[in-house]
Every structure is written in structure tokens, then in C-alpha cells.
Amino acid sequence: MLRARHYLVRGRVQGVGYRYFALGAAERLGVTGYVRNLASGNVEVHAEADEATLEAFKRELEQGPRMARVREVVESDLPFSGSYSSFLIRG
């Protein structure tokens, strides 16, 4: 069953290539949705895939690129929309 999740990534995650890292992980795993920087300095991720894929994706988000320092990833469930055909970088 396909699911949707919202991830709020906190730490040193802007200016370190985090959005491109998330894009690469999503493309590798087959996740659709988007990633974007927030004015707060955090990164927001909307992801849609099956449960096992979302768990693997979250592990990647917790790791982040080499220069990032991920402090925490806050996860919440969302209604599955099916409106994404790929994974995008927004803003």
C-alpha cells in the first residue's frame, strides 16, 4: 500500500547540498514528492512510496550529505495523494 509522509529535517541542513542529496536518494529508491528549504533553516520533505521504501528513505534523510549535521527528523503521516510523478526540489 502506498503511503505519504512529511519529514521536517532539523540541524545544519541548508547550504550543504541537502536538497540534492534528498533528490538523489528519492530517485534511487523510487520515492515521489518534493524537498524544499524553509525560512526557519530547516528542510521540509513530502514523500510518497510504500512503507518499506519510506523507512529506507528516512534512514537516508537522517544520514544526510557529508557536510550536513542532521539533529533530528520529525515524521508525520499524510493522506496519500498520488499527485507526484517524480521527486522535485522546490525553493
PDB file of N, CA and C in Angstrom:
ATOM      1  N   MET A   1       0.833  -1.187   0.000  1.00  0.00           N
ATOM      2  CA  MET A   1       0.000   0.000   0.000  1.00  0.00           C
ATOM      3  C   MET A   1       0.877   1.250   0.000  1.00  0.00           C
ATOM      4  N   LEU A   2       0.523   2.196  -0.811  1.00  0.00           N
ATOM      5  CA  LEU A   2       1.298   3.428  -0.885  1.00  0.00           C
ATOM      6  C   LEU A   2       0.884   4.387   0.228  1.00  0.00           C
ATOM      7  N   ARG A   3       1.873   5.081   0.755  1.00  0.00           N
ATOM      8  CA  ARG A   3       1.665   6.000   1.875  1.00  0.00           C
ATOM      9  C   ARG A   3       2.358   7.329   1.579  1.00  0.00           C
ATOM     10  N   ALA A   4       2.018   8.336   2.380  1.00  0.00           N
ATOM     11  CA  ALA A   4       2.658   9.651   2.261  1.00  0.00           C
ATOM     12  C   ALA A   4       3.155  10.070   3.636  1.00  0.00           C
ATOM     13  N   ARG A   5       4.337  10.706   3.643  1.00  0.00           N
ATOM     14  CA  ARG A   5       4.913  11.183   4.894  1.00  0.00           C
ATOM     15  C   ARG A   5       5.469  12.585   4.717  1.00  0.00           C
ATOM     16  N   HIS A   6       5.419  13.328   5.809  1.00  0.00           N
ATOM     17  CA  HIS A   6       6.047  14.639   5.886  1.00  0.00           C
ATOM     18  C   HIS A   6       7.221  14.499   6.830  1.00  0.00           C
ATOM     19  N   TYR A   7       8.381  14.997   6.411  1.00  0.00           N
ATOM     20  CA  TYR A   7       9.573  14.982   7.257  1.00  0.00           C
ATOM     21  C   TYR A   7      10.054  16.420   7.425  1.00  0.00           C
ATOM     22  N   LEU A   8      10.314  16.803   8.650  1.00  0.00           N
ATOM     23  CA  LEU A   8      10.930  18.082   8.948  1.00  0.00           C
ATOM     24  C   LEU A   8      12.334  17.770   9.439  1.00  0.00           C
ATOM     25  N   VAL A   9      13.331  18.192   8.668  1.00  0.00           N
ATOM     26  CA  VAL A   9      14.723  17.862   8.961  1.00  0.00           C
ATOM     27  C   VAL A   9      15.367  19.078   9.617  1.00  0.00           C
ATOM     28  N   ARG A  10      15.877  18.882  10.832  1.00  0.00           N
ATOM     29  CA  ARG A  10      16.481  19.970  11.605  1.00  0.00           C
ATOM     30  C   ARG A  10      17.970  19.722  11.779  1.00  0.00           C
ATOM     31  N   GLY A  11      18.711  20.824  11.883  1.00  0.00           N
ATOM     32  CA  GLY A  11      20.161  20.758  12.058  1.00  0.00           C
ATOM     33  C   GLY A  11      20.823  21.690  11.061  1.00  0.00           C
ATOM     34  N   ARG A  12      22.072  21.384  10.726  1.00  0.00           N
ATOM     35  CA  ARG A  12      22.757  22.159   9.676  1.00  0.00           C
ATOM     36  C   ARG A  12      22.459  21.468   8.352  1.00  0.00           C
ATOM     37  N   VAL A  13      21.350  21.886   7.734  1.00  0.00           N
ATOM     38  CA  VAL A  13      20.862  21.196   6.542  1.00  0.00           C
ATOM     39  C   VAL A  13      20.629  22.127   5.351  1.00  0.00           C
ATOM     40  N   GLN A  14      20.976  23.398   5.501  1.00  0.00           N
ATOM     41  CA  GLN A  14      20.911  24.307   4.357  1.00  0.00           C
ATOM     42  C   GLN A  14      22.328  24.765   4.015  1.00  0.00           C
ATOM     43  N   GLY A  15      22.578  24.919   2.715  1.00  0.00           N
ATOM     44  CA  GLY A  15      23.899  25.341   2.263  1.00  0.00           C
ATOM     45  C   GLY A  15      24.916  24.217   2.240  1.00  0.00           C
ATOM     46  N   VAL A  16      24.433  22.973   2.342  1.00  0.00           N
ATOM     47  CA  VAL A  16      25.336  21.819   2.375  1.00  0.00           C
ATOM     48  C   VAL A  16      24.961  20.770   1.325  1.00  0.00           C
ATOM     49  N   GLY A  17      24.058  21.121   0.411  1.00  0.00           N
ATOM     50  CA  GLY A  17      23.639  20.190  -0.642  1.00  0.00           C
ATOM     51  C   GLY A  17      22.586  19.192  -0.205  1.00  0.00           C
ATOM     52  N   TYR A  18      21.877  19.502   0.870  1.00  0.00           N
ATOM     53  CA  TYR A  18      20.918  18.547   1.412  1.00  0.00           C
ATOM     54  C   TYR A  18      19.770  18.249   0.447  1.00  0.00           C
ATOM     55  N   ARG A  19      19.239  19.279  -0.211  1.00  0.00           N
ATOM     56  CA  ARG A  19      18.116  19.049  -1.135  1.00  0.00           C
ATOM     57  C   ARG A  19      18.529  18.141  -2.286  1.00  0.00           C
ATOM     58  N   TYR A  20      19.743  18.327  -2.797  1.00  0.00           N
ATOM     59  CA  TYR A  20      20.222  17.473  -3.894  1.00  0.00           C
ATOM     60  C   TYR A  20      20.491  16.063  -3.406  1.00  0.00           C
ATOM     61  N   PHE A  21      20.957  15.938  -2.172  1.00  0.00           N
ATOM     62  CA  PHE A  21      21.142  14.639  -1.556  1.00  0.00           C
ATOM     63  C   PHE A  21      19.792  13.913  -1.454  1.00  0.00           C
ATOM     64  N   ALA A  22      18.763  14.622  -0.968  1.00  0.00           N
ATOM     65  CA  ALA A  22      17.429  14.029  -0.839  1.00  0.00           C
ATOM     66  C   ALA A  22      16.872  13.638  -2.204  1.00  0.00           C
ATOM     67  N   LEU A  23      17.097  14.479  -3.207  1.00  0.00           N
ATOM     68  CA  LEU A  23      16.656  14.172  -4.568  1.00  0.00           C
ATOM     69  C   LEU A  23      17.295  12.876  -5.055  1.00  0.00           C
ATOM     70  N   GLY A  24      18.598  12.746  -4.876  1.00  0.00           N
ATOM     71  CA  GLY A  24      19.305  11.542  -5.310  1.00  0.00           C
ATOM     72  C   GLY A  24      18.799  10.297  -4.602  1.00  0.00           C
ATOM     73  N   ALA A  25      18.580  10.399  -3.292  1.00  0.00           N
ATOM     74  CA  ALA A  25      18.070   9.260  -2.520  1.00  0.00           C
ATOM     75  C   ALA A  25      16.672   8.881  -2.991  1.00  0.00           C
ATOM     76  N   ALA A  26      15.830   9.886  -3.214  1.00  0.00           N
ATOM     77  CA  ALA A  26      14.457   9.626  -3.668  1.00  0.00           C
ATOM     78  C   ALA A  26      14.454   8.954  -5.038  1.00  0.00           C
ATOM     79  N   GLU A  27      15.283   9.441  -5.945  1.00  0.00           N
ATOM     80  CA  GLU A  27      15.333   8.848  -7.284  1.00  0.00           C
ATOM     81  C   GLU A  27      15.847   7.413  -7.223  1.00  0.00           C
ATOM     82  N   ARG A  28      16.845   7.167  -6.385  1.00  0.00           N
ATOM     83  CA  ARG A  28      17.400   5.824  -6.230  1.00  0.00           C
ATOM     84  C   ARG A  28      16.362   4.840  -5.678  1.00  0.00           C
ATOM     85  N   LEU A  29      15.562   5.319  -4.731  1.00  0.00           N
ATOM     86  CA  LEU A  29      14.598   4.451  -4.054  1.00  0.00           C
ATOM     87  C   LEU A  29      13.214   4.415  -4.709  1.00  0.00           C
ATOM     88  N   GLY A  30      12.945   5.348  -5.619  1.00  0.00           N
ATOM     89  CA  GLY A  30      11.639   5.394  -6.265  1.00  0.00           C
ATOM     90  C   GLY A  30      10.582   6.140  -5.466  1.00  0.00           C
ATOM     91  N   VAL A  31      11.014   7.143  -4.710  1.00  0.00           N
ATOM     92  CA  VAL A  31      10.110   7.977  -3.911  1.00  0.00           C
ATOM     93  C   VAL A  31       9.670   9.170  -4.748  1.00  0.00           C
ATOM     94  N   THR A  32       8.402   9.545  -4.653  1.00  0.00           N
ATOM     95  CA  THR A  32       7.920  10.755  -5.318  1.00  0.00           C
ATOM     96  C   THR A  32       7.589  11.806  -4.256  1.00  0.00           C
ATOM     97  N   GLY A  33       7.522  13.068  -4.669  1.00  0.00           N
ATOM     98  CA  GLY A  33       7.215  14.153  -3.747  1.00  0.00           C
ATOM     99  C   GLY A  33       8.125  15.338  -3.989  1.00  0.00           C
ATOM    100  N   TYR A  34       8.525  15.993  -2.897  1.00  0.00           N
ATOM    101  CA  TYR A  34       9.386  17.175  -3.046  1.00  0.00           C
ATOM    102  C   TYR A  34      10.197  17.417  -1.781  1.00  0.00           C
ATOM    103  N   VAL A  35      11.226  18.255  -1.942  1.00  0.00           N
ATOM    104  CA  VAL A  35      12.041  18.743  -0.830  1.00  0.00           C
ATOM    105  C   VAL A  35      12.197  20.245  -1.019  1.00  0.00           C
ATOM    106  N   ARG A  36      12.199  20.983   0.090  1.00  0.00           N
ATOM    107  CA  ARG A  36      12.415  22.433  -0.013  1.00  0.00           C
ATOM    108  C   ARG A  36      13.003  22.972   1.282  1.00  0.00           C
ATOM    109  N   ASN A  37      13.739  24.075   1.139  1.00  0.00           N
ATOM    110  CA  ASN A  37      14.261  24.796   2.292  1.00  0.00           C
ATOM    111  C   ASN A  37      13.146  25.636   2.896  1.00  0.00           C
ATOM    112  N   LEU A  38      13.176  25.766   4.212  1.00  0.00           N
ATOM    113  CA  LEU A  38      12.239  26.640   4.912  1.00  0.00           C
ATOM    114  C   LEU A  38      12.984  27.837   5.477  1.00  0.00           C
ATOM    115  N   ALA A  39      12.282  28.934   5.679  1.00  0.00           N
ATOM    116  CA  ALA A  39      12.894  30.151   6.211  1.00  0.00           C
ATOM    117  C   ALA A  39      13.496  29.921   7.597  1.00  0.00           C
ATOM    118  N   SER A  40      13.004  28.936   8.315  1.00  0.00           N
ATOM    119  CA  SER A  40      13.491  28.619   9.664  1.00  0.00           C
ATOM    120  C   SER A  40      14.887  28.009   9.661  1.00  0.00           C
ATOM    121  N   GLY A  41      15.382  27.621   8.473  1.00  0.00           N
ATOM    122  CA  GLY A  41      16.677  26.943   8.390  1.00  0.00           C
ATOM    123  C   GLY A  41      16.534  25.428   8.329  1.00  0.00           C
ATOM    124  N   ASN A  42      15.307  24.941   8.473  1.00  0.00           N
ATOM    125  CA  ASN A  42      15.038  23.509   8.363  1.00  0.00           C
ATOM    126  C   ASN A  42      14.746  23.151   6.909  1.00  0.00           C
ATOM    127  N   VAL A  43      14.638  21.854   6.650  1.00  0.00           N
ATOM    128  CA  VAL A  43      14.276  21.362   5.326  1.00  0.00           C
ATOM    129  C   VAL A  43      12.995  20.545   5.467  1.00  0.00           C
ATOM    130  N   GLU A  44      12.058  20.775   4.550  1.00  0.00           N
ATOM    131  CA  GLU A  44      10.791  20.050   4.533  1.00  0.00           C
ATOM    132  C   GLU A  44      10.798  19.048   3.391  1.00  0.00           C
ATOM    133  N   VAL A  45      10.324  17.838   3.678  1.00  0.00           N
ATOM    134  CA  VAL A  45      10.248  16.794   2.664  1.00  0.00           C
ATOM    135  C   VAL A  45       8.843  16.207   2.676  1.00  0.00           C
ATOM    136  N   HIS A  46       8.247  16.092   1.498  1.00  0.00           N
ATOM    137  CA  HIS A  46       6.984  15.364   1.325  1.00  0.00           C
ATOM    138  C   HIS A  46       7.339  14.156   0.466  1.00  0.00           C
ATOM    139  N   ALA A  47       7.052  12.958   0.971  1.00  0.00           N
ATOM    140  CA  ALA A  47       7.452  11.740   0.267  1.00  0.00           C
ATOM    141  C   ALA A  47       6.280  10.777   0.151  1.00  0.00           C
ATOM    142  N   GLU A  48       6.178  10.130  -1.009  1.00  0.00           N
ATOM    143  CA  GLU A  48       5.145   9.126  -1.236  1.00  0.00           C
ATOM    144  C   GLU A  48       5.788   7.872  -1.814  1.00  0.00           C
ATOM    145  N   ALA A  49       5.495   6.735  -1.181  1.00  0.00           N
ATOM    146  CA  ALA A  49       6.011   5.430  -1.606  1.00  0.00           C
ATOM    147  C   ALA A  49       5.391   4.381  -0.686  1.00  0.00           C
ATOM    148  N   ASP A  50       5.805   3.119  -0.833  1.00  0.00           N
ATOM    149  CA  ASP A  50       5.329   2.093   0.089  1.00  0.00           C
ATOM    150  C   ASP A  50       6.081   2.208   1.420  1.00  0.00           C
ATOM    151  N   GLU A  51       5.574   1.542   2.441  1.00  0.00           N
ATOM    152  CA  GLU A  51       6.102   1.670   3.804  1.00  0.00           C
ATOM    153  C   GLU A  51       7.602   1.350   3.901  1.00  0.00           C
ATOM    154  N   ALA A  52       8.025   0.246   3.313  1.00  0.00           N
ATOM    155  CA  ALA A  52       9.441  -0.153   3.400  1.00  0.00           C
ATOM    156  C   ALA A  52      10.345   0.874   2.729  1.00  0.00           C
ATOM    157  N   THR A  53       9.910   1.410   1.605  1.00  0.00           N
ATOM    158  CA  THR A  53      10.698   2.413   0.888  1.00  0.00           C
ATOM    159  C   THR A  53      10.780   3.699   1.699  1.00  0.00           C
ATOM    160  N   LEU A  54       9.674   4.090   2.326  1.00  0.00           N
ATOM    161  CA  LEU A  54       9.694   5.299   3.150  1.00  0.00           C
ATOM    162  C   LEU A  54      10.625   5.144   4.350  1.00  0.00           C
ATOM    163  N   GLU A  55      10.677   3.963   4.932  1.00  0.00           N
ATOM    164  CA  GLU A  55      11.597   3.725   6.052  1.00  0.00           C
ATOM    165  C   GLU A  55      13.051   3.848   5.595  1.00  0.00           C
ATOM    166  N   ALA A  56      13.360   3.276   4.437  1.00  0.00           N
ATOM    167  CA  ALA A  56      14.719   3.377   3.884  1.00  0.00           C
ATOM    168  C   ALA A  56      15.049   4.834   3.562  1.00  0.00           C
ATOM    169  N   PHE A  57      14.084   5.564   3.022  1.00  0.00           N
ATOM    170  CA  PHE A  57      14.284   6.967   2.686  1.00  0.00           C
ATOM    171  C   PHE A  57      14.541   7.786   3.948  1.00  0.00           C
ATOM    172  N   LYS A  58      13.788   7.519   5.015  1.00  0.00           N
ATOM    173  CA  LYS A  58      14.001   8.242   6.271  1.00  0.00           C
ATOM    174  C   LYS A  58      15.409   8.004   6.806  1.00  0.00           C
ATOM    175  N   ARG A  59      15.897   6.784   6.703  1.00  0.00           N
ATOM    176  CA  ARG A  59      17.273   6.497   7.143  1.00  0.00           C
ATOM    177  C   ARG A  59      18.282   7.324   6.353  1.00  0.00           C
ATOM    178  N   GLU A  60      18.033   7.481   5.062  1.00  0.00           N
ATOM    179  CA  GLU A  60      18.911   8.328   4.231  1.00  0.00           C
ATOM    180  C   GLU A  60      18.822   9.778   4.689  1.00  0.00           C
ATOM    181  N   LEU A  61      17.608  10.264   4.949  1.00  0.00           N
ATOM    182  CA  LEU A  61      17.427  11.650   5.390  1.00  0.00           C
ATOM    183  C   LEU A  61      18.141  11.891   6.718  1.00  0.00           C
ATOM    184  N   GLU A  62      18.113  10.921   7.612  1.00  0.00           N
ATOM    185  CA  GLU A  62      18.783  11.052   8.908  1.00  0.00           C
ATOM    186  C   GLU A  62      20.300  11.121   8.754  1.00  0.00           C
ATOM    187  N   GLN A  63      20.828  10.476   7.723  1.00  0.00           N
ATOM    188  CA  GLN A  63      22.267  10.497   7.464  1.00  0.00           C
ATOM    189  C   GLN A  63      22.681  11.832   6.837  1.00  0.00           C
ATOM    190  N   GLY A  64      22.011  12.203   5.743  1.00  0.00           N
ATOM    191  CA  GLY A  64      22.314  13.455   5.050  1.00  0.00           C
ATOM    192  C   GLY A  64      23.646  13.417   4.327  1.00  0.00           C
ATOM    193  N   PRO A  65      23.950  14.464   3.576  1.00  0.00           N
ATOM    194  CA  PRO A  65      25.241  14.540   2.884  1.00  0.00           C
ATOM    195  C   PRO A  65      26.374  14.782   3.880  1.00  0.00           C
ATOM    196  N   ARG A  66      27.582  14.625   3.424  1.00  0.00           N
ATOM    197  CA  ARG A  66      28.769  14.679   4.280  1.00  0.00           C
ATOM    198  C   ARG A  66      28.876  15.962   5.109  1.00  0.00           C
ATOM    199  N   MET A  67      28.550  17.103   4.526  1.00  0.00           N
ATOM    200  CA  MET A  67      28.715  18.381   5.232  1.00  0.00           C
ATOM    201  C   MET A  67      27.531  18.717   6.154  1.00  0.00           C
ATOM    202  N   ALA A  68      26.443  17.982   6.044  1.00  0.00           N
ATOM    203  CA  ALA A  68      25.265  18.258   6.875  1.00  0.00           C
ATOM    204  C   ALA A  68      25.456  17.697   8.283  1.00  0.00           C
ATOM    205  N   ARG A  69      24.737  18.272   9.216  1.00  0.00           N
ATOM    206  CA  ARG A  69      24.661  17.751  10.579  1.00  0.00           C
ATOM    207  C   ARG A  69      23.181  17.657  10.936  1.00  0.00           C
ATOM    208  N   VAL A  70      22.593  16.507  10.673  1.00  0.00           N
ATOM    209  CA  VAL A  70      21.175  16.315  10.945  1.00  0.00           C
ATOM    210  C   VAL A  70      20.993  16.085  12.441  1.00  0.00           C
ATOM    211  N   ARG A  71      20.234  16.952  13.069  1.00  0.00           N
ATOM    212  CA  ARG A  71      19.962  16.840  14.503  1.00  0.00           C
ATOM    213  C   ARG A  71      18.761  15.940  14.753  1.00  0.00           C
ATOM    214  N   GLU A  72      17.710  16.131  13.951  1.00  0.00           N
ATOM    215  CA  GLU A  72      16.532  15.271  14.077  1.00  0.00           C
ATOM    216  C   GLU A  72      15.691  15.328  12.815  1.00  0.00           C
ATOM    217  N   VAL A  73      14.913  14.260  12.617  1.00  0.00           N
ATOM    218  CA  VAL A  73      13.941  14.194  11.526  1.00  0.00           C
ATOM    219  C   VAL A  73      12.593  13.912  12.172  1.00  0.00           C
ATOM    220  N   VAL A  74      11.695  14.906  12.114  1.00  0.00           N
ATOM    221  CA  VAL A  74      10.361  14.777  12.688  1.00  0.00           C
ATOM    222  C   VAL A  74       9.440  14.279  11.578  1.00  0.00           C
ATOM    223  N   GLU A  75       8.788  13.161  11.838  1.00  0.00           N
ATOM    224  CA  GLU A  75       7.997  12.475  10.818  1.00  0.00           C
ATOM    225  C   GLU A  75       6.513  12.523  11.175  1.00  0.00           C
ATOM    226  N   SER A  76       5.669  12.746  10.172  1.00  0.00           N
ATOM    227  CA  SER A  76       4.224  12.654  10.388  1.00  0.00           C
ATOM    228  C   SER A  76       3.566  12.072   9.140  1.00  0.00           C
ATOM    229  N   ASP A  77       2.488  11.343   9.357  1.00  0.00           N
ATOM    230  CA  ASP A  77       1.746  10.746   8.252  1.00  0.00           C
ATOM    231  C   ASP A  77       0.878  11.791   7.572  1.00  0.00           C
ATOM    232  N   LEU A  78       0.722  11.623   6.277  1.00  0.00           N
ATOM    233  CA  LEU A  78      -0.147  12.478   5.468  1.00  0.00           C
ATOM    234  C   LEU A  78      -1.073  11.583   4.654  1.00  0.00           C
ATOM    235  N   PRO A  79      -2.184  12.120   4.168  1.00  0.00           N
ATOM    236  CA  PRO A  79      -3.007  11.335   3.242  1.00  0.00           C
ATOM    237  C   PRO A  79      -2.252  11.161   1.923  1.00  0.00           C
ATOM    238  N   PHE A  80      -2.285   9.961   1.379  1.00  0.00           N
ATOM    239  CA  PHE A  80      -1.633   9.709   0.094  1.00  0.00           C
ATOM    240  C   PHE A  80      -2.389  10.454  -0.998  1.00  0.00           C
ATOM    241  N   SER A  81      -1.639  11.211  -1.837  1.00  0.00           N
ATOM    242  CA  SER A  81      -2.290  11.987  -2.892  1.00  0.00           C
ATOM    243  C   SER A  81      -2.126  11.358  -4.271  1.00  0.00           C
ATOM    244  N   GLY A  82      -0.987  10.732  -4.505  1.00  0.00           N
ATOM    245  CA  GLY A  82      -0.727  10.169  -5.826  1.00  0.00           C
ATOM    246  C   GLY A  82      -0.536  11.219  -6.907  1.00  0.00           C
ATOM    247  N   SER A  83      -0.356  12.470  -6.507  1.00  0.00           N
ATOM    248  CA  SER A  83      -0.280  13.550  -7.493  1.00  0.00           C
ATOM    249  C   SER A  83       1.141  13.835  -7.984  1.00  0.00           C
ATOM    250  N   TYR A  84       2.129  13.106  -7.471  1.00  0.00           N
ATOM    251  CA  TYR A  84       3.519  13.330  -7.874  1.00  0.00           C
ATOM    252  C   TYR A  84       3.976  12.192  -8.771  1.00  0.00           C
ATOM    253  N   SER A  85       4.586  12.556  -9.897  1.00  0.00           N
ATOM    254  CA  SER A  85       5.119  11.535 -10.805  1.00  0.00           C
ATOM    255  C   SER A  85       6.628  11.407 -10.665  1.00  0.00           C
ATOM    256  N   SER A  86       7.241  12.334  -9.909  1.00  0.00           N
ATOM    257  CA  SER A  86       8.682  12.309  -9.692  1.00  0.00           C
ATOM    258  C   SER A  86       8.970  13.013  -8.373  1.00  0.00           C
ATOM    259  N   PHE A  87      10.253  13.206  -8.062  1.00  0.00           N
ATOM    260  CA  PHE A  87      10.652  13.913  -6.862  1.00  0.00           C
ATOM    261  C   PHE A  87      11.282  15.223  -7.301  1.00  0.00           C
ATOM    262  N   LEU A  88      10.852  16.330  -6.691  1.00  0.00           N
ATOM    263  CA  LEU A  88      11.272  17.661  -7.122  1.00  0.00           C
ATOM    264  C   LEU A  88      11.947  18.439  -6.013  1.00  0.00           C
ATOM    265  N   ILE A  89      12.808  19.359  -6.411  1.00  0.00           N
ATOM    266  CA  ILE A  89      13.344  20.348  -5.479  1.00  0.00           C
ATOM    267  C   ILE A  89      12.520  21.605  -5.659  1.00  0.00           C
ATOM    268  N   ARG A  90      11.947  22.090  -4.568  1.00  0.00           N
ATOM    269  CA  ARG A  90      11.172  23.331  -4.589  1.00  0.00           C
ATOM    270  C   ARG A  90      11.870  24.338  -3.714  1.00  0.00           C
ATOM    271  N   GLY A  91      11.979  25.559  -4.202  1.00  0.00           N
ATOM    272  CA  GLY A  91      12.522  26.648  -3.405  1.00  0.00           C
ATOM    273  C   GLY A  91      13.858  26.463  -2.769  1.00  0.00           C
TER     274      GLY A  91
END
